[in-house]
């Protein structure tokens, strides 16, 4: 970023960000952490928003084949609802002309292209 701009982080599971502040400091970066549902101050201000969405983990089925057996239509629908909510919140933060990048570890179109 060439010393310009600001980094912001948000996760629907804030415990996942517990070590981010210290890791960023060691890397020489500053990051502002936001609580779940508390990104309204970023509305329309971000050049780039990266969403690493919660998903079924189908991309890891080769390593965890039993996980395939636990994925039901209802559970997939719950993931899709969560993905849609996360995308809606993230999209509101993107400035005009900015970018929204969406990623999962899923191989299912229902969790990727369809979202």
N, C-alpha and C. Protein backbone atom coordinates (compact mmCIF):
# COMPACT_ATOMS: atom_id res chain seq x y z
N UNK A 1 0.82 -1.20 0.00
CA UNK A 1 0.00 0.00 0.00
C UNK A 1 0.86 1.25 0.00
N UNK A 2 2.16 1.08 0.06
CA UNK A 2 3.05 2.22 -0.03
C UNK A 2 2.87 3.25 1.08
N UNK A 3 2.49 2.80 2.26
CA UNK A 3 2.33 3.72 3.37
C UNK A 3 1.05 4.54 3.32
N UNK A 4 0.18 4.22 2.38
CA UNK A 4 -1.08 4.96 2.26
C UNK A 4 -2.25 4.03 2.56
N UNK A 5 -3.34 4.62 2.98
CA UNK A 5 -4.54 3.84 3.22
C UNK A 5 -4.56 3.23 4.60
N UNK A 6 -5.58 2.44 4.82
CA UNK A 6 -5.77 1.80 6.12
C UNK A 6 -6.28 0.38 5.91
N UNK A 7 -5.90 -0.50 6.81
CA UNK A 7 -6.38 -1.88 6.80
C UNK A 7 -7.41 -2.05 7.90
N UNK A 8 -8.51 -2.69 7.55
CA UNK A 8 -9.57 -2.97 8.50
C UNK A 8 -9.87 -4.46 8.44
N UNK A 9 -10.20 -5.06 9.57
CA UNK A 9 -10.53 -6.48 9.60
C UNK A 9 -11.81 -6.69 10.41
N UNK A 10 -12.58 -7.65 9.95
CA UNK A 10 -13.87 -7.96 10.57
C UNK A 10 -14.12 -9.43 10.37
N UNK A 11 -14.69 -10.08 11.36
CA UNK A 11 -15.03 -11.49 11.22
C UNK A 11 -16.30 -11.75 12.02
N UNK A 12 -17.18 -12.58 11.48
CA UNK A 12 -18.39 -12.91 12.23
C UNK A 12 -18.06 -13.74 13.46
N UNK A 13 -16.87 -14.31 13.50
CA UNK A 13 -16.36 -15.03 14.67
C UNK A 13 -15.11 -14.30 15.15
N UNK A 14 -15.27 -13.29 16.02
CA UNK A 14 -14.15 -12.42 16.39
C UNK A 14 -12.94 -13.15 16.98
N UNK A 15 -13.12 -14.34 17.54
CA UNK A 15 -11.98 -15.07 18.09
C UNK A 15 -10.95 -15.39 17.01
N UNK A 16 -11.39 -15.43 15.76
CA UNK A 16 -10.45 -15.70 14.66
C UNK A 16 -9.47 -14.55 14.46
N UNK A 17 -9.81 -13.37 14.97
CA UNK A 17 -8.94 -12.21 14.81
C UNK A 17 -8.10 -11.95 16.05
N UNK A 18 -8.15 -12.82 17.03
CA UNK A 18 -7.48 -12.59 18.31
C UNK A 18 -5.99 -12.28 18.16
N UNK A 19 -5.32 -12.92 17.24
CA UNK A 19 -3.87 -12.72 17.09
C UNK A 19 -3.51 -11.74 15.97
N UNK A 20 -4.51 -11.23 15.27
CA UNK A 20 -4.22 -10.40 14.10
C UNK A 20 -3.48 -9.11 14.46
N UNK A 21 -3.88 -8.45 15.53
CA UNK A 21 -3.23 -7.19 15.91
C UNK A 21 -1.74 -7.36 16.13
N UNK A 22 -1.36 -8.38 16.87
CA UNK A 22 0.05 -8.64 17.14
C UNK A 22 0.79 -9.07 15.88
N UNK A 23 0.16 -9.89 15.08
CA UNK A 23 0.81 -10.33 13.83
C UNK A 23 1.02 -9.14 12.89
N UNK A 24 0.04 -8.27 12.81
CA UNK A 24 0.17 -7.08 11.96
C UNK A 24 1.29 -6.18 12.47
N UNK A 25 1.35 -6.00 13.79
CA UNK A 25 2.40 -5.16 14.38
C UNK A 25 3.78 -5.70 14.04
N UNK A 26 3.96 -7.02 14.16
CA UNK A 26 5.26 -7.63 13.82
C UNK A 26 5.59 -7.44 12.34
N UNK A 27 4.57 -7.37 11.50
CA UNK A 27 4.78 -7.18 10.05
C UNK A 27 4.94 -5.70 9.71
N UNK A 28 4.82 -4.83 10.71
CA UNK A 28 4.96 -3.40 10.46
C UNK A 28 3.70 -2.77 9.89
N UNK A 29 2.57 -3.41 10.09
CA UNK A 29 1.30 -2.88 9.57
C UNK A 29 0.38 -2.54 10.74
N UNK A 30 -0.51 -1.63 10.49
CA UNK A 30 -1.54 -1.28 11.47
C UNK A 30 -2.86 -1.76 10.92
N UNK A 31 -3.69 -2.30 11.78
CA UNK A 31 -4.99 -2.79 11.36
C UNK A 31 -6.02 -2.38 12.41
N UNK A 32 -7.18 -1.97 11.94
CA UNK A 32 -8.29 -1.65 12.82
C UNK A 32 -9.24 -2.83 12.82
N UNK A 33 -9.53 -3.35 14.00
CA UNK A 33 -10.43 -4.49 14.13
C UNK A 33 -11.84 -3.99 14.39
N UNK A 34 -12.81 -4.59 13.73
CA UNK A 34 -14.21 -4.21 13.89
C UNK A 34 -14.99 -5.39 14.46
N UNK A 35 -15.90 -5.08 15.35
CA UNK A 35 -16.77 -6.10 15.94
C UNK A 35 -17.80 -6.54 14.91
N UNK A 36 -18.37 -7.75 15.08
CA UNK A 36 -19.42 -8.19 14.16
C UNK A 36 -20.56 -7.17 14.10
N UNK A 37 -20.98 -6.88 12.89
CA UNK A 37 -22.08 -5.94 12.68
C UNK A 37 -21.69 -4.49 12.86
N UNK A 38 -20.39 -4.20 13.05
CA UNK A 38 -19.94 -2.84 13.32
C UNK A 38 -19.00 -2.33 12.23
N UNK A 39 -19.48 -2.34 11.00
CA UNK A 39 -18.68 -1.80 9.91
C UNK A 39 -19.39 -0.63 9.22
N UNK A 40 -20.40 -0.07 9.88
CA UNK A 40 -21.15 1.03 9.26
C UNK A 40 -20.27 2.23 8.96
N UNK A 41 -19.22 2.45 9.76
CA UNK A 41 -18.32 3.58 9.51
C UNK A 41 -17.55 3.41 8.19
N UNK A 42 -17.51 2.20 7.66
CA UNK A 42 -16.78 1.94 6.41
C UNK A 42 -17.69 2.03 5.19
N UNK A 43 -18.96 2.31 5.39
CA UNK A 43 -19.92 2.31 4.27
C UNK A 43 -19.44 3.18 3.12
N UNK A 44 -19.27 2.53 1.97
CA UNK A 44 -18.89 3.24 0.75
C UNK A 44 -17.49 3.81 0.74
N UNK A 45 -16.59 3.37 1.62
CA UNK A 45 -15.27 3.98 1.74
C UNK A 45 -14.11 3.09 1.31
N UNK A 46 -14.33 1.82 1.08
CA UNK A 46 -13.22 0.88 0.86
C UNK A 46 -12.93 0.67 -0.63
N UNK A 47 -11.66 0.75 -0.98
CA UNK A 47 -11.23 0.46 -2.34
C UNK A 47 -11.34 -1.03 -2.65
N UNK A 48 -11.06 -1.85 -1.65
CA UNK A 48 -11.07 -3.29 -1.83
C UNK A 48 -11.62 -3.94 -0.56
N UNK A 49 -12.57 -4.82 -0.74
CA UNK A 49 -13.10 -5.61 0.36
C UNK A 49 -12.93 -7.08 -0.03
N UNK A 50 -12.20 -7.81 0.81
CA UNK A 50 -11.98 -9.23 0.59
C UNK A 50 -12.85 -10.01 1.56
N UNK A 51 -13.67 -10.90 1.04
CA UNK A 51 -14.55 -11.74 1.85
C UNK A 51 -14.06 -13.18 1.76
N UNK A 52 -13.66 -13.72 2.89
CA UNK A 52 -13.33 -15.14 3.01
C UNK A 52 -14.52 -15.76 3.75
N UNK A 53 -15.50 -16.19 2.98
CA UNK A 53 -16.80 -16.58 3.53
C UNK A 53 -16.78 -17.96 4.17
N UNK A 54 -17.56 -18.11 5.24
CA UNK A 54 -17.74 -19.45 5.81
C UNK A 54 -18.41 -20.36 4.78
N UNK A 55 -18.00 -21.61 4.74
CA UNK A 55 -18.54 -22.50 3.71
C UNK A 55 -18.55 -23.95 4.19
N UNK A 56 -19.01 -24.81 3.32
CA UNK A 56 -19.11 -26.24 3.63
C UNK A 56 -17.76 -26.92 3.75
N UNK A 57 -16.73 -26.33 3.21
CA UNK A 57 -15.41 -26.95 3.23
C UNK A 57 -15.26 -28.06 2.21
N UNK A 58 -16.11 -28.05 1.20
CA UNK A 58 -16.08 -29.14 0.21
C UNK A 58 -14.74 -29.23 -0.52
N UNK A 59 -14.00 -28.15 -0.57
CA UNK A 59 -12.68 -28.19 -1.20
C UNK A 59 -11.67 -29.02 -0.43
N UNK A 60 -12.00 -29.35 0.81
CA UNK A 60 -11.11 -30.16 1.64
C UNK A 60 -11.61 -31.59 1.81
N UNK A 61 -12.63 -31.97 1.06
CA UNK A 61 -13.18 -33.32 1.20
C UNK A 61 -12.16 -34.41 0.92
N UNK A 62 -11.21 -34.14 0.06
CA UNK A 62 -10.20 -35.16 -0.23
C UNK A 62 -9.39 -35.49 1.03
N UNK A 63 -9.12 -34.45 1.83
CA UNK A 63 -8.38 -34.66 3.08
C UNK A 63 -9.29 -35.13 4.21
N UNK A 64 -10.58 -34.77 4.13
CA UNK A 64 -11.55 -35.11 5.17
C UNK A 64 -12.80 -35.71 4.51
N UNK A 65 -12.71 -36.90 3.97
CA UNK A 65 -13.83 -37.45 3.20
C UNK A 65 -15.11 -37.64 4.02
N UNK A 66 -14.99 -37.81 5.32
CA UNK A 66 -16.20 -37.98 6.14
C UNK A 66 -17.01 -36.69 6.22
N UNK A 67 -16.41 -35.55 5.97
CA UNK A 67 -17.13 -34.26 6.01
C UNK A 67 -18.23 -34.23 4.95
N UNK A 68 -18.03 -34.92 3.85
CA UNK A 68 -19.04 -34.97 2.79
C UNK A 68 -20.34 -35.58 3.31
N UNK A 69 -20.22 -36.52 4.20
CA UNK A 69 -21.39 -37.20 4.74
C UNK A 69 -22.19 -36.31 5.69
N UNK A 70 -21.55 -35.29 6.24
CA UNK A 70 -22.22 -34.40 7.19
C UNK A 70 -22.92 -33.23 6.52
N UNK A 71 -22.68 -33.01 5.24
CA UNK A 71 -23.30 -31.88 4.54
C UNK A 71 -24.70 -32.28 4.07
N UNK A 72 -25.69 -31.64 4.62
CA UNK A 72 -27.08 -31.86 4.23
C UNK A 72 -27.57 -30.66 3.44
N UNK A 73 -28.70 -30.81 2.78
CA UNK A 73 -29.30 -29.68 2.05
C UNK A 73 -29.60 -28.53 3.00
N UNK A 74 -30.05 -28.85 4.20
CA UNK A 74 -30.37 -27.80 5.18
C UNK A 74 -29.11 -27.07 5.63
N UNK A 75 -28.05 -27.81 5.86
CA UNK A 75 -26.79 -27.18 6.29
C UNK A 75 -26.23 -26.32 5.16
N UNK A 76 -26.30 -26.80 3.92
CA UNK A 76 -25.84 -26.01 2.79
C UNK A 76 -26.66 -24.72 2.68
N UNK A 77 -27.96 -24.80 2.87
CA UNK A 77 -28.82 -23.61 2.82
C UNK A 77 -28.43 -22.62 3.91
N UNK A 78 -28.06 -23.11 5.08
CA UNK A 78 -27.62 -22.22 6.16
C UNK A 78 -26.33 -21.51 5.76
N UNK A 79 -25.38 -22.23 5.18
CA UNK A 79 -24.15 -21.60 4.69
C UNK A 79 -24.48 -20.53 3.65
N UNK A 80 -25.37 -20.83 2.73
CA UNK A 80 -25.73 -19.87 1.69
C UNK A 80 -26.35 -18.61 2.29
N UNK A 81 -27.22 -18.77 3.28
CA UNK A 81 -27.82 -17.61 3.94
C UNK A 81 -26.74 -16.76 4.60
N UNK A 82 -25.80 -17.41 5.27
CA UNK A 82 -24.70 -16.69 5.92
C UNK A 82 -23.83 -15.99 4.87
N UNK A 83 -23.52 -16.68 3.78
CA UNK A 83 -22.71 -16.09 2.72
C UNK A 83 -23.40 -14.85 2.14
N UNK A 84 -24.70 -14.96 1.91
CA UNK A 84 -25.44 -13.81 1.37
C UNK A 84 -25.41 -12.64 2.33
N UNK A 85 -25.57 -12.90 3.62
CA UNK A 85 -25.54 -11.83 4.62
C UNK A 85 -24.16 -11.17 4.68
N UNK A 86 -23.12 -11.98 4.65
CA UNK A 86 -21.75 -11.46 4.67
C UNK A 86 -21.49 -10.62 3.42
N UNK A 87 -21.90 -11.12 2.27
CA UNK A 87 -21.71 -10.37 1.03
C UNK A 87 -22.46 -9.05 1.03
N UNK A 88 -23.68 -9.03 1.54
CA UNK A 88 -24.47 -7.81 1.60
C UNK A 88 -23.76 -6.77 2.47
N UNK A 89 -23.29 -7.20 3.63
CA UNK A 89 -22.59 -6.29 4.53
C UNK A 89 -21.29 -5.80 3.90
N UNK A 90 -20.55 -6.69 3.27
CA UNK A 90 -19.28 -6.32 2.65
C UNK A 90 -19.49 -5.38 1.46
N UNK A 91 -20.49 -5.66 0.65
CA UNK A 91 -20.75 -4.83 -0.53
C UNK A 91 -21.05 -3.38 -0.14
N UNK A 92 -21.70 -3.20 1.00
CA UNK A 92 -22.03 -1.84 1.45
C UNK A 92 -20.78 -1.03 1.78
N UNK A 93 -19.66 -1.70 2.01
CA UNK A 93 -18.42 -1.01 2.36
C UNK A 93 -17.60 -0.59 1.15
N UNK A 94 -17.91 -1.12 -0.02
CA UNK A 94 -17.13 -0.85 -1.23
C UNK A 94 -17.50 0.52 -1.80
N UNK A 95 -16.48 1.33 -2.06
CA UNK A 95 -16.72 2.64 -2.66
C UNK A 95 -17.08 2.47 -4.13
N UNK A 96 -17.72 3.46 -4.73
CA UNK A 96 -17.96 3.40 -6.17
C UNK A 96 -16.63 3.21 -6.91
N UNK A 97 -16.58 2.25 -7.79
CA UNK A 97 -15.35 1.94 -8.53
C UNK A 97 -14.42 1.00 -7.78
N UNK A 98 -14.77 0.63 -6.55
CA UNK A 98 -13.95 -0.29 -5.76
C UNK A 98 -14.22 -1.73 -6.15
N UNK A 99 -13.58 -2.63 -5.44
CA UNK A 99 -13.70 -4.06 -5.75
C UNK A 99 -14.12 -4.87 -4.54
N UNK A 100 -14.93 -5.87 -4.81
CA UNK A 100 -15.33 -6.85 -3.81
C UNK A 100 -14.82 -8.20 -4.29
N UNK A 101 -13.99 -8.83 -3.49
CA UNK A 101 -13.44 -10.14 -3.83
C UNK A 101 -14.02 -11.15 -2.85
N UNK A 102 -14.53 -12.24 -3.39
CA UNK A 102 -15.22 -13.26 -2.61
C UNK A 102 -14.50 -14.59 -2.79
N UNK A 103 -14.23 -15.27 -1.68
CA UNK A 103 -13.54 -16.55 -1.74
C UNK A 103 -14.13 -17.52 -0.72
N UNK A 104 -14.12 -18.79 -1.09
CA UNK A 104 -14.44 -19.87 -0.16
C UNK A 104 -13.45 -21.00 -0.44
N UNK A 105 -13.48 -22.02 0.41
CA UNK A 105 -12.70 -23.22 0.12
C UNK A 105 -13.62 -24.30 -0.44
N UNK A 106 -14.79 -23.89 -0.90
CA UNK A 106 -15.76 -24.82 -1.45
C UNK A 106 -15.57 -24.98 -2.95
N UNK A 107 -15.91 -26.16 -3.45
CA UNK A 107 -15.92 -26.39 -4.90
C UNK A 107 -17.33 -26.33 -5.46
N UNK A 108 -18.31 -26.05 -4.61
CA UNK A 108 -19.70 -26.05 -5.04
C UNK A 108 -20.11 -24.71 -5.63
N UNK A 109 -20.70 -24.74 -6.80
CA UNK A 109 -21.21 -23.52 -7.42
C UNK A 109 -22.23 -22.82 -6.55
N UNK A 110 -22.98 -23.57 -5.78
CA UNK A 110 -24.00 -22.99 -4.89
C UNK A 110 -23.39 -22.07 -3.85
N UNK A 111 -22.11 -22.27 -3.56
CA UNK A 111 -21.42 -21.43 -2.56
C UNK A 111 -20.48 -20.42 -3.23
N UNK A 112 -20.38 -20.46 -4.52
CA UNK A 112 -19.46 -19.58 -5.23
C UNK A 112 -20.19 -18.78 -6.30
N UNK A 113 -20.23 -19.28 -7.51
CA UNK A 113 -20.84 -18.55 -8.61
C UNK A 113 -22.28 -18.12 -8.31
N UNK A 114 -23.05 -18.96 -7.65
CA UNK A 114 -24.45 -18.64 -7.36
C UNK A 114 -24.60 -17.54 -6.31
N UNK A 115 -23.60 -17.30 -5.54
CA UNK A 115 -23.68 -16.25 -4.55
C UNK A 115 -23.41 -14.92 -5.23
